[in-house]
């Protein structure tokens, strides 16, 4: 599964905008976020959809974020991981 390219990131613009609003995250390059100097969140794309990989307690967890309801659920998890 490859990292999300420009077209996929454009499709996730609202979600990524919400992530960018967080002051505790730094975007090192489009769609790749660090927290406290450590990789924390990035996005992937493949034929089955769009996904977010989020570091939860030192482990990566993958979340499908293709649909609006999936994005809303992901943002809830992201808020809890702060």
PDB file of N, CA and C in Angstrom:
ATOM      1  N   UNK A   1       0.856  -1.167   0.000  1.00  0.00           N
ATOM      2  CA  UNK A   1       0.000   0.000   0.000  1.00  0.00           C
ATOM      3  C   UNK A   1       0.907   1.237   0.000  1.00  0.00           C
ATOM      4  N   UNK A   2       0.678   2.113  -0.949  1.00  0.00           N
ATOM      5  CA  UNK A   2       1.559   3.276  -1.088  1.00  0.00           C
ATOM      6  C   UNK A   2       1.027   4.477  -0.296  1.00  0.00           C
ATOM      7  N   UNK A   3       1.948   5.361   0.041  1.00  0.00           N
ATOM      8  CA  UNK A   3       1.542   6.600   0.705  1.00  0.00           C
ATOM      9  C   UNK A   3       0.631   7.390  -0.230  1.00  0.00           C
ATOM     10  N   UNK A   4      -0.286   8.124   0.355  1.00  0.00           N
ATOM     11  CA  UNK A   4      -1.260   8.884  -0.427  1.00  0.00           C
ATOM     12  C   UNK A   4      -0.562   9.957  -1.258  1.00  0.00           C
ATOM     13  N   UNK A   5      -0.925  10.007  -2.532  1.00  0.00           N
ATOM     14  CA  UNK A   5      -0.398  11.018  -3.436  1.00  0.00           C
ATOM     15  C   UNK A   5      -1.273  12.257  -3.430  1.00  0.00           C
ATOM     16  N   UNK A   6      -0.941  13.238  -4.256  1.00  0.00           N
ATOM     17  CA  UNK A   6      -1.668  14.511  -4.274  1.00  0.00           C
ATOM     18  C   UNK A   6      -3.170  14.379  -4.513  1.00  0.00           C
ATOM     19  N   UNK A   7      -3.593  13.496  -5.412  1.00  0.00           N
ATOM     20  CA  UNK A   7      -5.020  13.345  -5.702  1.00  0.00           C
ATOM     21  C   UNK A   7      -5.743  12.780  -4.473  1.00  0.00           C
ATOM     22  N   UNK A   8      -5.157  11.775  -3.844  1.00  0.00           N
ATOM     23  CA  UNK A   8      -5.761  11.188  -2.647  1.00  0.00           C
ATOM     24  C   UNK A   8      -5.802  12.203  -1.508  1.00  0.00           C
ATOM     25  N   UNK A   9      -4.732  12.961  -1.339  1.00  0.00           N
ATOM     26  CA  UNK A   9      -4.714  13.984  -0.287  1.00  0.00           C
ATOM     27  C   UNK A   9      -5.765  15.049  -0.542  1.00  0.00           C
ATOM     28  N   UNK A  10      -5.987  15.400  -1.799  1.00  0.00           N
ATOM     29  CA  UNK A  10      -7.055  16.354  -2.134  1.00  0.00           C
ATOM     30  C   UNK A  10      -8.418  15.798  -1.736  1.00  0.00           C
ATOM     31  N   UNK A  11      -8.623  14.508  -1.926  1.00  0.00           N
ATOM     32  CA  UNK A  11      -9.895  13.879  -1.548  1.00  0.00           C
ATOM     33  C   UNK A  11     -10.095  13.892  -0.032  1.00  0.00           C
ATOM     34  N   UNK A  12      -8.996  13.983   0.699  1.00  0.00           N
ATOM     35  CA  UNK A  12      -9.041  14.009   2.159  1.00  0.00           C
ATOM     36  C   UNK A  12      -8.865  15.423   2.724  1.00  0.00           C
ATOM     37  N   UNK A  13      -9.075  16.431   1.907  1.00  0.00           N
ATOM     38  CA  UNK A  13      -8.770  17.814   2.297  1.00  0.00           C
ATOM     39  C   UNK A  13      -9.467  18.249   3.582  1.00  0.00           C
ATOM     40  N   UNK A  14     -10.727  17.907   3.749  1.00  0.00           N
ATOM     41  CA  UNK A  14     -11.447  18.326   4.963  1.00  0.00           C
ATOM     42  C   UNK A  14     -10.858  17.633   6.186  1.00  0.00           C
ATOM     43  N   UNK A  15     -10.625  16.333   6.081  1.00  0.00           N
ATOM     44  CA  UNK A  15     -10.029  15.581   7.181  1.00  0.00           C
ATOM     45  C   UNK A  15      -8.645  16.125   7.521  1.00  0.00           C
ATOM     46  N   UNK A  16      -7.827  16.304   6.517  1.00  0.00           N
ATOM     47  CA  UNK A  16      -6.462  16.791   6.762  1.00  0.00           C
ATOM     48  C   UNK A  16      -6.493  18.207   7.316  1.00  0.00           C
ATOM     49  N   UNK A  17      -7.447  19.013   6.896  1.00  0.00           N
ATOM     50  CA  UNK A  17      -7.604  20.341   7.469  1.00  0.00           C
ATOM     51  C   UNK A  17      -7.875  20.284   8.963  1.00  0.00           C
ATOM     52  N   UNK A  18      -8.677  19.328   9.386  1.00  0.00           N
ATOM     53  CA  UNK A  18      -8.945  19.149  10.818  1.00  0.00           C
ATOM     54  C   UNK A  18      -7.686  18.729  11.560  1.00  0.00           C
ATOM     55  N   UNK A  19      -6.896  17.879  10.939  1.00  0.00           N
ATOM     56  CA  UNK A  19      -5.639  17.445  11.558  1.00  0.00           C
ATOM     57  C   UNK A  19      -4.671  18.621  11.642  1.00  0.00           C
ATOM     58  N   UNK A  20      -4.584  19.407  10.590  1.00  0.00           N
ATOM     59  CA  UNK A  20      -3.665  20.556  10.579  1.00  0.00           C
ATOM     60  C   UNK A  20      -4.020  21.592  11.641  1.00  0.00           C
ATOM     61  N   UNK A  21      -5.273  21.642  12.047  1.00  0.00           N
ATOM     62  CA  UNK A  21      -5.708  22.604  13.060  1.00  0.00           C
ATOM     63  C   UNK A  21      -5.168  22.270  14.455  1.00  0.00           C
ATOM     64  N   UNK A  22      -4.725  21.059  14.631  1.00  0.00           N
ATOM     65  CA  UNK A  22      -4.180  20.650  15.935  1.00  0.00           C
ATOM     66  C   UNK A  22      -2.800  21.260  16.136  1.00  0.00           C
ATOM     67  N   UNK A  23      -2.601  21.894  17.237  1.00  0.00           N
ATOM     68  CA  UNK A  23      -1.321  22.566  17.524  1.00  0.00           C
ATOM     69  C   UNK A  23      -0.210  21.594  17.934  1.00  0.00           C
ATOM     70  N   UNK A  24      -0.577  20.399  18.363  1.00  0.00           N
ATOM     71  CA  UNK A  24       0.434  19.455  18.844  1.00  0.00           C
ATOM     72  C   UNK A  24       1.072  18.635  17.726  1.00  0.00           C
ATOM     73  N   UNK A  25       0.591  18.790  16.498  1.00  0.00           N
ATOM     74  CA  UNK A  25       1.125  18.026  15.373  1.00  0.00           C
ATOM     75  C   UNK A  25       1.849  18.942  14.395  1.00  0.00           C
ATOM     76  N   UNK A  26       2.932  18.439  13.851  1.00  0.00           N
ATOM     77  CA  UNK A  26       3.705  19.158  12.836  1.00  0.00           C
ATOM     78  C   UNK A  26       3.687  18.338  11.550  1.00  0.00           C
ATOM     79  N   UNK A  27       3.369  18.995  10.455  1.00  0.00           N
ATOM     80  CA  UNK A  27       3.313  18.320   9.156  1.00  0.00           C
ATOM     81  C   UNK A  27       4.674  18.446   8.481  1.00  0.00           C
ATOM     82  N   UNK A  28       5.383  17.323   8.361  1.00  0.00           N
ATOM     83  CA  UNK A  28       6.731  17.348   7.778  1.00  0.00           C
ATOM     84  C   UNK A  28       6.682  17.445   6.259  1.00  0.00           C
ATOM     85  N   UNK A  29       5.691  16.831   5.662  1.00  0.00           N
ATOM     86  CA  UNK A  29       5.390  16.946   4.232  1.00  0.00           C
ATOM     87  C   UNK A  29       3.901  16.657   4.107  1.00  0.00           C
ATOM     88  N   UNK A  30       3.304  16.973   2.975  1.00  0.00           N
ATOM     89  CA  UNK A  30       1.847  16.839   2.874  1.00  0.00           C
ATOM     90  C   UNK A  30       1.333  15.462   3.314  1.00  0.00           C
ATOM     91  N   UNK A  31       0.467  15.474   4.322  1.00  0.00           N
ATOM     92  CA  UNK A  31      -0.158  14.248   4.797  1.00  0.00           C
ATOM     93  C   UNK A  31       0.657  13.410   5.754  1.00  0.00           C
ATOM     94  N   UNK A  32       1.811  13.895   6.189  1.00  0.00           N
ATOM     95  CA  UNK A  32       2.673  13.166   7.128  1.00  0.00           C
ATOM     96  C   UNK A  32       2.875  14.056   8.356  1.00  0.00           C
ATOM     97  N   UNK A  33       2.445  13.543   9.513  1.00  0.00           N
ATOM     98  CA  UNK A  33       2.447  14.347  10.735  1.00  0.00           C
ATOM     99  C   UNK A  33       3.307  13.704  11.817  1.00  0.00           C
ATOM    100  N   UNK A  34       3.972  14.573  12.563  1.00  0.00           N
ATOM    101  CA  UNK A  34       4.807  14.166  13.685  1.00  0.00           C
ATOM    102  C   UNK A  34       4.264  14.796  14.956  1.00  0.00           C
ATOM    103  N   UNK A  35       4.456  14.094  16.058  1.00  0.00           N
ATOM    104  CA  UNK A  35       4.136  14.649  17.374  1.00  0.00           C
ATOM    105  C   UNK A  35       5.333  14.412  18.270  1.00  0.00           C
ATOM    106  N   UNK A  36       5.804  15.479  18.886  1.00  0.00           N
ATOM    107  CA  UNK A  36       6.980  15.425  19.764  1.00  0.00           C
ATOM    108  C   UNK A  36       8.172  14.791  19.056  1.00  0.00           C
ATOM    109  N   UNK A  37       8.352  15.128  17.781  1.00  0.00           N
ATOM    110  CA  UNK A  37       9.499  14.661  17.013  1.00  0.00           C
ATOM    111  C   UNK A  37       9.420  13.221  16.546  1.00  0.00           C
ATOM    112  N   UNK A  38       8.279  12.566  16.742  1.00  0.00           N
ATOM    113  CA  UNK A  38       8.125  11.165  16.384  1.00  0.00           C
ATOM    114  C   UNK A  38       6.991  11.012  15.371  1.00  0.00           C
ATOM    115  N   UNK A  39       7.203  10.171  14.355  1.00  0.00           N
ATOM    116  CA  UNK A  39       6.158   9.928  13.363  1.00  0.00           C
ATOM    117  C   UNK A  39       4.875   9.521  14.082  1.00  0.00           C
ATOM    118  N   UNK A  40       3.742  10.133  13.670  1.00  0.00           N
ATOM    119  CA  UNK A  40       2.494   9.939  14.396  1.00  0.00           C
ATOM    120  C   UNK A  40       1.325   9.569  13.493  1.00  0.00           C
ATOM    121  N   UNK A  41       1.268  10.124  12.283  1.00  0.00           N
ATOM    122  CA  UNK A  41       0.112   9.919  11.416  1.00  0.00           C
ATOM    123  C   UNK A  41       0.520  10.125   9.963  1.00  0.00           C
ATOM    124  N   UNK A  42       0.049   9.243   9.087  1.00  0.00           N
ATOM    125  CA  UNK A  42       0.222   9.423   7.646  1.00  0.00           C
ATOM    126  C   UNK A  42      -0.909   8.689   6.934  1.00  0.00           C
ATOM    127  N   UNK A  43      -1.027   8.936   5.657  1.00  0.00           N
ATOM    128  CA  UNK A  43      -2.147   8.416   4.880  1.00  0.00           C
ATOM    129  C   UNK A  43      -1.657   7.521   3.746  1.00  0.00           C
ATOM    130  N   UNK A  44      -2.493   6.527   3.400  1.00  0.00           N
ATOM    131  CA  UNK A  44      -2.205   5.579   2.334  1.00  0.00           C
ATOM    132  C   UNK A  44      -3.383   5.514   1.374  1.00  0.00           C
ATOM    133  N   UNK A  45      -3.092   5.015   0.192  1.00  0.00           N
ATOM    134  CA  UNK A  45      -4.150   4.763  -0.790  1.00  0.00           C
ATOM    135  C   UNK A  45      -3.881   3.438  -1.482  1.00  0.00           C
ATOM    136  N   UNK A  46      -4.951   2.758  -1.836  1.00  0.00           N
ATOM    137  CA  UNK A  46      -4.872   1.591  -2.700  1.00  0.00           C
ATOM    138  C   UNK A  46      -6.245   1.374  -3.324  1.00  0.00           C
ATOM    139  N   UNK A  47      -6.402   0.317  -4.054  1.00  0.00           N
ATOM    140  CA  UNK A  47      -7.647   0.075  -4.783  1.00  0.00           C
ATOM    141  C   UNK A  47      -8.859  -0.061  -3.864  1.00  0.00           C
ATOM    142  N   UNK A  48      -8.634  -0.435  -2.605  1.00  0.00           N
ATOM    143  CA  UNK A  48      -9.754  -0.613  -1.682  1.00  0.00           C
ATOM    144  C   UNK A  48     -10.126   0.658  -0.929  1.00  0.00           C
ATOM    145  N   UNK A  49      -9.372   1.741  -1.123  1.00  0.00           N
ATOM    146  CA  UNK A  49      -9.743   3.001  -0.495  1.00  0.00           C
ATOM    147  C   UNK A  49      -8.585   3.782   0.072  1.00  0.00           C
ATOM    148  N   UNK A  50      -8.942   4.726   0.948  1.00  0.00           N
ATOM    149  CA  UNK A  50      -7.975   5.605   1.597  1.00  0.00           C
ATOM    150  C   UNK A  50      -7.895   5.224   3.073  1.00  0.00           C
ATOM    151  N   UNK A  51      -6.689   5.302   3.624  1.00  0.00           N
ATOM    152  CA  UNK A  51      -6.453   4.849   4.989  1.00  0.00           C
ATOM    153  C   UNK A  51      -5.535   5.816   5.729  1.00  0.00           C
ATOM    154  N   UNK A  52      -5.723   5.869   7.044  1.00  0.00           N
ATOM    155  CA  UNK A  52      -4.844   6.641   7.916  1.00  0.00           C
ATOM    156  C   UNK A  52      -4.129   5.661   8.829  1.00  0.00           C
ATOM    157  N   UNK A  53      -2.826   5.804   8.942  1.00  0.00           N
ATOM    158  CA  UNK A  53      -2.048   5.038   9.917  1.00  0.00           C
ATOM    159  C   UNK A  53      -1.735   5.977  11.066  1.00  0.00           C
ATOM    160  N   UNK A  54      -2.162   5.599  12.264  1.00  0.00           N
ATOM    161  CA  UNK A  54      -2.020   6.430  13.458  1.00  0.00           C
ATOM    162  C   UNK A  54      -1.261   5.642  14.510  1.00  0.00           C
ATOM    163  N   UNK A  55      -0.286   6.285  15.128  1.00  0.00           N
ATOM    164  CA  UNK A  55       0.460   5.636  16.211  1.00  0.00           C
ATOM    165  C   UNK A  55      -0.378   5.736  17.485  1.00  0.00           C
ATOM    166  N   UNK A  56      -0.773   4.575  17.975  1.00  0.00           N
ATOM    167  CA  UNK A  56      -1.549   4.488  19.210  1.00  0.00           C
ATOM    168  C   UNK A  56      -0.742   3.648  20.187  1.00  0.00           C
ATOM    169  N   UNK A  57      -0.296   4.278  21.263  1.00  0.00           N
ATOM    170  CA  UNK A  57       0.520   3.577  22.265  1.00  0.00           C
ATOM    171  C   UNK A  57       1.701   2.836  21.642  1.00  0.00           C
ATOM    172  N   UNK A  58       2.485   3.492  20.858  1.00  0.00           N
ATOM    173  CA  UNK A  58       3.700   2.953  20.230  1.00  0.00           C
ATOM    174  C   UNK A  58       3.440   1.892  19.161  1.00  0.00           C
ATOM    175  N   UNK A  59       2.205   1.662  18.794  1.00  0.00           N
ATOM    176  CA  UNK A  59       1.870   0.711  17.733  1.00  0.00           C
ATOM    177  C   UNK A  59       1.094   1.445  16.644  1.00  0.00           C
ATOM    178  N   UNK A  60       1.322   1.065  15.392  1.00  0.00           N
ATOM    179  CA  UNK A  60       0.574   1.656  14.285  1.00  0.00           C
ATOM    180  C   UNK A  60      -0.758   0.939  14.133  1.00  0.00           C
ATOM    181  N   UNK A  61      -1.817   1.729  14.011  1.00  0.00           N
ATOM    182  CA  UNK A  61      -3.140   1.185  13.729  1.00  0.00           C
ATOM    183  C   UNK A  61      -3.643   1.831  12.439  1.00  0.00           C
ATOM    184  N   UNK A  62      -4.286   1.037  11.610  1.00  0.00           N
ATOM    185  CA  UNK A  62      -4.777   1.518  10.315  1.00  0.00           C
ATOM    186  C   UNK A  62      -6.293   1.725  10.395  1.00  0.00           C
ATOM    187  N   UNK A  63      -6.741   2.872   9.866  1.00  0.00           N
ATOM    188  CA  UNK A  63      -8.152   3.229   9.858  1.00  0.00           C
ATOM    189  C   UNK A  63      -8.564   3.574   8.434  1.00  0.00           C
ATOM    190  N   UNK A  64      -9.659   3.004   7.994  1.00  0.00           N
ATOM    191  CA  UNK A  64     -10.199   3.365   6.686  1.00  0.00           C
ATOM    192  C   UNK A  64     -10.828   4.754   6.817  1.00  0.00           C
ATOM    193  N   UNK A  65     -10.517   5.661   5.873  1.00  0.00           N
ATOM    194  CA  UNK A  65     -11.021   7.041   5.926  1.00  0.00           C
ATOM    195  C   UNK A  65     -11.572   7.495   4.574  1.00  0.00           C
ATOM    196  N   UNK A  66     -12.096   6.564   3.814  1.00  0.00           N
ATOM    197  CA  UNK A  66     -12.617   6.885   2.485  1.00  0.00           C
ATOM    198  C   UNK A  66     -13.920   7.675   2.571  1.00  0.00           C
ATOM    199  N   UNK A  67     -14.818   7.254   3.434  1.00  0.00           N
ATOM    200  CA  UNK A  67     -16.148   7.866   3.555  1.00  0.00           C
ATOM    201  C   UNK A  67     -16.189   8.883   4.704  1.00  0.00           C
ATOM    202  N   UNK A  68     -17.133   9.809   4.625  1.00  0.00           N
ATOM    203  CA  UNK A  68     -17.248  10.858   5.645  1.00  0.00           C
ATOM    204  C   UNK A  68     -17.462  10.282   7.041  1.00  0.00           C
ATOM    205  N   UNK A  69     -18.279   9.231   7.163  1.00  0.00           N
ATOM    206  CA  UNK A  69     -18.508   8.649   8.487  1.00  0.00           C
ATOM    207  C   UNK A  69     -17.242   7.982   9.032  1.00  0.00           C
ATOM    208  N   UNK A  70     -16.417   7.415   8.155  1.00  0.00           N
ATOM    209  CA  UNK A  70     -15.145   6.829   8.577  1.00  0.00           C
ATOM    210  C   UNK A  70     -14.183   7.915   9.042  1.00  0.00           C
ATOM    211  N   UNK A  71     -14.200   9.046   8.367  1.00  0.00           N
ATOM    212  CA  UNK A  71     -13.349  10.164   8.762  1.00  0.00           C
ATOM    213  C   UNK A  71     -13.764  10.707  10.121  1.00  0.00           C
ATOM    214  N   UNK A  72     -15.068  10.820  10.357  1.00  0.00           N
ATOM    215  CA  UNK A  72     -15.561  11.305  11.648  1.00  0.00           C
ATOM    216  C   UNK A  72     -15.148  10.356  12.771  1.00  0.00           C
ATOM    217  N   UNK A  73     -15.275   9.059  12.534  1.00  0.00           N
ATOM    218  CA  UNK A  73     -14.866   8.072  13.531  1.00  0.00           C
ATOM    219  C   UNK A  73     -13.364   8.160  13.787  1.00  0.00           C
ATOM    220  N   UNK A  74     -12.591   8.347  12.722  1.00  0.00           N
ATOM    221  CA  UNK A  74     -11.143   8.477  12.879  1.00  0.00           C
ATOM    222  C   UNK A  74     -10.787   9.702  13.720  1.00  0.00           C
ATOM    223  N   UNK A  75     -11.446  10.823  13.475  1.00  0.00           N
ATOM    224  CA  UNK A  75     -11.157  12.035  14.246  1.00  0.00           C
ATOM    225  C   UNK A  75     -11.444  11.834  15.732  1.00  0.00           C
ATOM    226  N   UNK A  76     -12.442  11.045  16.044  1.00  0.00           N
ATOM    227  CA  UNK A  76     -12.727  10.724  17.447  1.00  0.00           C
ATOM    228  C   UNK A  76     -11.564   9.960  18.068  1.00  0.00           C
ATOM    229  N   UNK A  77     -11.040   8.981  17.347  1.00  0.00           N
ATOM    230  CA  UNK A  77      -9.889   8.222  17.827  1.00  0.00           C
ATOM    231  C   UNK A  77      -8.679   9.132  17.958  1.00  0.00           C
ATOM    232  N   UNK A  78      -8.478  10.006  16.994  1.00  0.00           N
ATOM    233  CA  UNK A  78      -7.344  10.920  17.038  1.00  0.00           C
ATOM    234  C   UNK A  78      -7.426  11.819  18.276  1.00  0.00           C
ATOM    235  N   UNK A  79      -8.586  12.327  18.574  1.00  0.00           N
ATOM    236  CA  UNK A  79      -8.761  13.178  19.761  1.00  0.00           C
ATOM    237  C   UNK A  79      -8.428  12.410  21.039  1.00  0.00           C
ATOM    238  N   UNK A  80      -8.810  11.181  21.106  1.00  0.00           N
ATOM    239  CA  UNK A  80      -8.539  10.350  22.301  1.00  0.00           C
ATOM    240  C   UNK A  80      -7.070  10.017  22.443  1.00  0.00           C
ATOM    241  N   UNK A  81      -6.329  10.043  21.353  1.00  0.00           N
ATOM    242  CA  UNK A  81      -4.919   9.657  21.388  1.00  0.00           C
ATOM    243  C   UNK A  81      -4.000  10.798  21.808  1.00  0.00           C
ATOM    244  N   UNK A  82      -4.552  11.963  22.019  1.00  0.00           N
ATOM    245  CA  UNK A  82      -3.739  13.141  22.364  1.00  0.00           C
ATOM    246  C   UNK A  82      -3.123  13.037  23.741  1.00  0.00           C
TER     247      UNK A  82
END
